[in-house]
Amino acid sequence: MSLKIRLQRKGRKKKPYYPIVVIDSRFHRNGKFIEKLGFYNPHTNPSTIILNVDSALNWLQKGAQPTNTARSILSKKGVLLKQHLLKGVKKQALNVVEAENKFKKWIENKNA
């Protein structure tokens, strides 16, 4: 079973919003999904992104592949960076405390 992290289109004509979901790649775009990870609304200024980082990271570690747009959203929220740091911990390039400090420093710089 090939899993994807992708966007579902919801909303009315010319006013879409997009739930971010984990879904089997064989299902339709708006088909049955496994888990809802978050929400993306491009019509607000700036765009609204609400994402459960821990759940998204868990699915990425299980092998779910994000689409291009979902990858961009995950990157903006730091999920891909956290995954990269955890791979470094697994390879013993750095420890858990260093990885958490680097991630917190990145979030502080992004918010500043």
N, C-alpha and C. Protein backbone atom coordinates (compact mmCIF):
# COMPACT_ATOMS: atom_id res chain seq x y z
N MET A 1 0.85 -1.17 0.00
CA MET A 1 0.00 0.00 0.00
C MET A 1 0.90 1.24 0.00
N SER A 2 0.76 2.04 -1.03
CA SER A 2 1.55 3.26 -1.17
C SER A 2 0.78 4.44 -0.59
N LEU A 3 1.35 5.06 0.43
CA LEU A 3 0.69 6.16 1.10
C LEU A 3 1.21 7.51 0.61
N LYS A 4 0.32 8.46 0.50
CA LYS A 4 0.66 9.82 0.08
C LYS A 4 0.16 10.80 1.13
N ILE A 5 0.91 11.87 1.30
CA ILE A 5 0.42 13.01 2.06
C ILE A 5 0.06 14.04 1.00
N ARG A 6 -1.22 14.37 0.91
CA ARG A 6 -1.65 15.28 -0.14
C ARG A 6 -2.83 16.13 0.32
N LEU A 7 -3.24 17.03 -0.56
CA LEU A 7 -4.32 17.95 -0.25
C LEU A 7 -5.63 17.45 -0.83
N GLN A 8 -6.71 17.62 -0.08
CA GLN A 8 -8.06 17.36 -0.60
C GLN A 8 -8.69 18.71 -0.86
N ARG A 9 -9.44 18.83 -1.95
CA ARG A 9 -10.10 20.09 -2.25
C ARG A 9 -11.49 20.09 -1.63
N LYS A 10 -11.77 21.10 -0.85
CA LYS A 10 -13.08 21.29 -0.24
C LYS A 10 -13.50 22.74 -0.50
N GLY A 11 -14.72 23.06 -0.15
CA GLY A 11 -15.20 24.43 -0.29
C GLY A 11 -16.07 24.60 -1.51
N ARG A 12 -16.45 25.85 -1.74
CA ARG A 12 -17.34 26.11 -2.86
C ARG A 12 -16.55 26.60 -4.08
N LYS A 13 -17.24 26.89 -5.12
CA LYS A 13 -16.62 27.32 -6.37
C LYS A 13 -15.81 28.60 -6.15
N LYS A 14 -14.57 28.58 -6.59
CA LYS A 14 -13.62 29.69 -6.50
C LYS A 14 -13.25 30.08 -5.07
N LYS A 15 -13.62 29.29 -4.09
CA LYS A 15 -13.25 29.53 -2.69
C LYS A 15 -12.81 28.22 -2.04
N PRO A 16 -11.78 27.57 -2.58
CA PRO A 16 -11.39 26.28 -2.00
C PRO A 16 -10.55 26.43 -0.74
N TYR A 17 -10.59 25.43 0.10
CA TYR A 17 -9.65 25.25 1.19
C TYR A 17 -9.24 23.78 1.13
N TYR A 18 -8.12 23.47 1.73
CA TYR A 18 -7.53 22.16 1.51
C TYR A 18 -7.14 21.48 2.82
N PRO A 19 -7.84 20.43 3.22
CA PRO A 19 -7.35 19.60 4.32
C PRO A 19 -6.12 18.81 3.85
N ILE A 20 -5.12 18.69 4.72
CA ILE A 20 -3.92 17.91 4.43
C ILE A 20 -4.15 16.52 5.03
N VAL A 21 -4.11 15.49 4.18
CA VAL A 21 -4.48 14.15 4.63
C VAL A 21 -3.44 13.11 4.20
N VAL A 22 -3.45 11.98 4.89
CA VAL A 22 -2.70 10.79 4.50
C VAL A 22 -3.71 9.87 3.83
N ILE A 23 -3.40 9.43 2.61
CA ILE A 23 -4.36 8.66 1.82
C ILE A 23 -3.61 7.62 1.00
N ASP A 24 -4.25 6.53 0.69
CA ASP A 24 -3.69 5.53 -0.22
C ASP A 24 -3.64 6.17 -1.61
N SER A 25 -2.53 6.03 -2.29
CA SER A 25 -2.34 6.71 -3.57
C SER A 25 -3.31 6.24 -4.65
N ARG A 26 -3.93 5.08 -4.46
CA ARG A 26 -4.85 4.57 -5.47
C ARG A 26 -6.24 5.19 -5.37
N PHE A 27 -6.52 5.88 -4.24
CA PHE A 27 -7.84 6.48 -4.05
C PHE A 27 -7.95 7.82 -4.77
N HIS A 28 -9.18 8.25 -4.98
CA HIS A 28 -9.43 9.54 -5.62
C HIS A 28 -8.95 10.68 -4.73
N ARG A 29 -8.82 11.86 -5.32
CA ARG A 29 -8.35 13.03 -4.59
C ARG A 29 -9.19 13.29 -3.35
N ASN A 30 -10.50 13.20 -3.47
CA ASN A 30 -11.39 13.47 -2.34
C ASN A 30 -11.96 12.19 -1.75
N GLY A 31 -11.25 11.08 -1.95
CA GLY A 31 -11.73 9.79 -1.47
C GLY A 31 -11.49 9.59 0.01
N LYS A 32 -11.66 8.36 0.44
CA LYS A 32 -11.51 7.99 1.84
C LYS A 32 -10.05 8.17 2.26
N PHE A 33 -9.83 8.88 3.35
CA PHE A 33 -8.47 9.11 3.82
C PHE A 33 -8.22 8.37 5.12
N ILE A 34 -6.95 8.19 5.47
CA ILE A 34 -6.56 7.47 6.67
C ILE A 34 -6.54 8.40 7.88
N GLU A 35 -5.89 9.56 7.73
CA GLU A 35 -5.81 10.51 8.84
C GLU A 35 -5.70 11.93 8.30
N LYS A 36 -6.34 12.84 8.99
CA LYS A 36 -6.27 14.26 8.65
C LYS A 36 -5.14 14.89 9.47
N LEU A 37 -4.16 15.49 8.78
CA LEU A 37 -3.00 16.06 9.45
C LEU A 37 -3.12 17.55 9.72
N GLY A 38 -3.91 18.23 8.90
CA GLY A 38 -3.98 19.67 9.07
C GLY A 38 -4.90 20.32 8.06
N PHE A 39 -4.63 21.60 7.82
CA PHE A 39 -5.53 22.44 7.05
C PHE A 39 -4.70 23.53 6.35
N TYR A 40 -5.05 23.85 5.11
CA TYR A 40 -4.37 24.90 4.35
C TYR A 40 -5.42 25.75 3.65
N ASN A 41 -5.38 27.07 3.89
CA ASN A 41 -6.30 28.00 3.25
C ASN A 41 -5.48 29.07 2.52
N PRO A 42 -5.43 29.03 1.19
CA PRO A 42 -4.62 29.99 0.44
C PRO A 42 -5.29 31.36 0.27
N HIS A 43 -6.54 31.52 0.68
CA HIS A 43 -7.26 32.77 0.42
C HIS A 43 -7.06 33.82 1.49
N THR A 44 -6.45 33.48 2.61
CA THR A 44 -6.15 34.48 3.61
C THR A 44 -4.80 35.10 3.31
N ASN A 45 -4.52 36.24 3.89
CA ASN A 45 -3.25 36.90 3.64
C ASN A 45 -2.55 37.12 4.96
N PRO A 46 -1.49 36.43 5.32
CA PRO A 46 -0.83 35.32 4.63
C PRO A 46 -1.64 34.03 4.72
N SER A 47 -1.29 33.08 3.92
CA SER A 47 -2.02 31.81 3.88
C SER A 47 -2.04 31.14 5.25
N THR A 48 -3.18 30.55 5.59
CA THR A 48 -3.34 29.87 6.86
C THR A 48 -2.90 28.42 6.72
N ILE A 49 -1.96 28.02 7.58
CA ILE A 49 -1.52 26.63 7.60
C ILE A 49 -1.59 26.14 9.05
N ILE A 50 -2.42 25.15 9.30
CA ILE A 50 -2.51 24.52 10.61
C ILE A 50 -2.10 23.06 10.39
N LEU A 51 -1.09 22.61 11.13
CA LEU A 51 -0.54 21.28 10.88
C LEU A 51 -0.15 20.61 12.19
N ASN A 52 -0.49 19.33 12.32
CA ASN A 52 -0.05 18.52 13.45
C ASN A 52 1.33 17.97 13.09
N VAL A 53 2.37 18.61 13.60
CA VAL A 53 3.75 18.30 13.22
C VAL A 53 4.13 16.88 13.64
N ASP A 54 3.77 16.47 14.83
CA ASP A 54 4.15 15.13 15.31
C ASP A 54 3.53 14.02 14.47
N SER A 55 2.26 14.20 14.14
CA SER A 55 1.58 13.19 13.33
C SER A 55 2.15 13.14 11.91
N ALA A 56 2.44 14.30 11.34
CA ALA A 56 3.02 14.34 9.99
C ALA A 56 4.40 13.68 9.99
N LEU A 57 5.19 13.96 11.01
CA LEU A 57 6.52 13.35 11.12
C LEU A 57 6.41 11.84 11.27
N ASN A 58 5.45 11.39 12.05
CA ASN A 58 5.22 9.96 12.23
C ASN A 58 4.91 9.29 10.90
N TRP A 59 4.05 9.88 10.09
CA TRP A 59 3.71 9.29 8.80
C TRP A 59 4.88 9.32 7.82
N LEU A 60 5.68 10.38 7.87
CA LEU A 60 6.86 10.42 7.00
C LEU A 60 7.84 9.32 7.37
N GLN A 61 8.00 9.07 8.66
CA GLN A 61 8.90 8.00 9.10
C GLN A 61 8.37 6.63 8.73
N LYS A 62 7.06 6.49 8.60
CA LYS A 62 6.46 5.22 8.18
C LYS A 62 6.56 5.01 6.67
N GLY A 63 6.94 6.06 5.91
CA GLY A 63 7.15 5.90 4.48
C GLY A 63 6.16 6.62 3.59
N ALA A 64 5.30 7.45 4.14
CA ALA A 64 4.35 8.20 3.31
C ALA A 64 5.11 9.24 2.48
N GLN A 65 4.76 9.35 1.21
CA GLN A 65 5.42 10.28 0.31
C GLN A 65 4.55 11.52 0.10
N PRO A 66 5.06 12.72 0.40
CA PRO A 66 4.27 13.92 0.17
C PRO A 66 4.28 14.34 -1.30
N THR A 67 3.18 14.92 -1.75
CA THR A 67 3.15 15.51 -3.09
C THR A 67 3.96 16.80 -3.06
N ASN A 68 4.16 17.44 -4.21
CA ASN A 68 4.98 18.64 -4.27
C ASN A 68 4.44 19.76 -3.38
N THR A 69 3.14 20.00 -3.45
CA THR A 69 2.54 21.06 -2.65
C THR A 69 2.59 20.71 -1.17
N ALA A 70 2.29 19.47 -0.83
CA ALA A 70 2.35 19.04 0.56
C ALA A 70 3.78 19.12 1.09
N ARG A 71 4.75 18.77 0.26
CA ARG A 71 6.17 18.87 0.65
C ARG A 71 6.53 20.32 0.97
N SER A 72 6.05 21.25 0.18
CA SER A 72 6.30 22.67 0.41
C SER A 72 5.72 23.12 1.74
N ILE A 73 4.50 22.69 2.05
CA ILE A 73 3.85 23.06 3.31
C ILE A 73 4.59 22.43 4.49
N LEU A 74 4.98 21.17 4.36
CA LEU A 74 5.72 20.50 5.44
C LEU A 74 7.07 21.17 5.67
N SER A 75 7.69 21.62 4.60
CA SER A 75 8.96 22.30 4.71
C SER A 75 8.82 23.64 5.44
N LYS A 76 7.76 24.38 5.12
CA LYS A 76 7.53 25.68 5.78
C LYS A 76 7.29 25.52 7.27
N LYS A 77 6.68 24.42 7.68
CA LYS A 77 6.39 24.18 9.09
C LYS A 77 7.54 23.47 9.81
N GLY A 78 8.58 23.05 9.09
CA GLY A 78 9.75 22.46 9.73
C GLY A 78 9.69 20.96 9.92
N VAL A 79 8.71 20.30 9.36
CA VAL A 79 8.58 18.85 9.53
C VAL A 79 9.74 18.13 8.84
N LEU A 80 10.11 18.57 7.66
CA LEU A 80 11.19 17.92 6.92
C LEU A 80 12.54 18.14 7.61
N LEU A 81 12.73 19.32 8.21
CA LEU A 81 13.95 19.58 8.96
C LEU A 81 14.03 18.67 10.17
N LYS A 82 12.93 18.52 10.88
CA LYS A 82 12.91 17.65 12.06
C LYS A 82 13.19 16.20 11.67
N GLN A 83 12.64 15.76 10.54
CA GLN A 83 12.90 14.41 10.05
C GLN A 83 14.39 14.24 9.74
N HIS A 84 14.98 15.26 9.12
CA HIS A 84 16.40 15.22 8.79
C HIS A 84 17.26 15.14 10.06
N LEU A 85 16.90 15.92 11.07
CA LEU A 85 17.65 15.89 12.32
C LEU A 85 17.52 14.54 13.02
N LEU A 86 16.33 13.95 12.97
CA LEU A 86 16.14 12.64 13.60
C LEU A 86 16.91 11.54 12.88
N LYS A 87 17.10 11.69 11.57
CA LYS A 87 17.94 10.74 10.84
C LYS A 87 19.39 10.85 11.31
N GLY A 88 19.82 12.09 11.60
CA GLY A 88 21.16 12.30 12.15
C GLY A 88 21.32 11.67 13.52
N VAL A 89 20.27 11.73 14.32
CA VAL A 89 20.30 11.08 15.64
C VAL A 89 20.40 9.57 15.47
N LYS A 90 19.65 9.03 14.52
CA LYS A 90 19.66 7.59 14.28
C LYS A 90 21.04 7.11 13.83
N LYS A 91 21.73 7.96 13.05
CA LYS A 91 23.08 7.61 12.57
C LYS A 91 24.16 8.00 13.57
N GLN A 92 23.76 8.52 14.73
CA GLN A 92 24.64 8.92 15.81
C GLN A 92 25.58 10.05 15.41
N ALA A 93 25.13 10.92 14.50
CA ALA A 93 25.90 12.10 14.14
C ALA A 93 25.71 13.20 15.19
N LEU A 94 24.56 13.21 15.85
CA LEU A 94 24.29 14.11 16.96
C LEU A 94 23.30 13.45 17.89
N ASN A 95 23.17 14.01 19.09
CA ASN A 95 22.26 13.39 20.05
C ASN A 95 20.90 14.10 20.03
N VAL A 96 19.97 13.59 20.81
CA VAL A 96 18.59 14.08 20.80
C VAL A 96 18.53 15.52 21.29
N VAL A 97 19.32 15.85 22.30
CA VAL A 97 19.30 17.21 22.85
C VAL A 97 19.78 18.22 21.82
N GLU A 98 20.86 17.90 21.10
CA GLU A 98 21.38 18.79 20.06
C GLU A 98 20.36 18.97 18.95
N ALA A 99 19.70 17.89 18.56
CA ALA A 99 18.69 17.97 17.50
C ALA A 99 17.53 18.86 17.92
N GLU A 100 17.06 18.70 19.16
CA GLU A 100 15.96 19.54 19.65
C GLU A 100 16.38 21.00 19.73
N ASN A 101 17.62 21.26 20.16
CA ASN A 101 18.11 22.64 20.22
C ASN A 101 18.19 23.28 18.85
N LYS A 102 18.67 22.52 17.85
CA LYS A 102 18.74 23.04 16.48
C LYS A 102 17.35 23.34 15.94
N PHE A 103 16.40 22.46 16.24
CA PHE A 103 15.03 22.67 15.76
C PHE A 103 14.40 23.89 16.43
N LYS A 104 14.60 24.04 17.74
CA LYS A 104 14.06 25.20 18.45
C LYS A 104 14.70 26.50 17.95
N LYS A 105 16.00 26.46 17.68
CA LYS A 105 16.69 27.65 17.16
C LYS A 105 16.13 28.02 15.78
N TRP A 106 15.86 27.02 14.95
CA TRP A 106 15.29 27.28 13.62
C TRP A 106 13.92 27.92 13.74
N ILE A 107 13.08 27.42 14.66
CA ILE A 107 11.74 27.98 14.86
C ILE A 107 11.82 29.42 15.35
N GLU A 108 12.74 29.70 16.28
CA GLU A 108 12.92 31.06 16.78
C GLU A 108 13.35 32.01 15.68
N ASN A 109 14.29 31.57 14.83
CA ASN A 109 14.73 32.41 13.71
C ASN A 109 13.62 32.65 12.71
N LYS A 110 12.80 31.63 12.49
CA LYS A 110 11.70 31.76 11.54
C LYS A 110 10.64 32.72 12.05
N ASN A 111 10.35 32.67 13.36
CA ASN A 111 9.33 33.54 13.93
C ASN A 111 9.81 34.98 14.08
N ALA A 112 11.13 35.19 14.13
CA ALA A 112 11.67 36.54 14.33
C ALA A 112 11.60 37.38 13.06
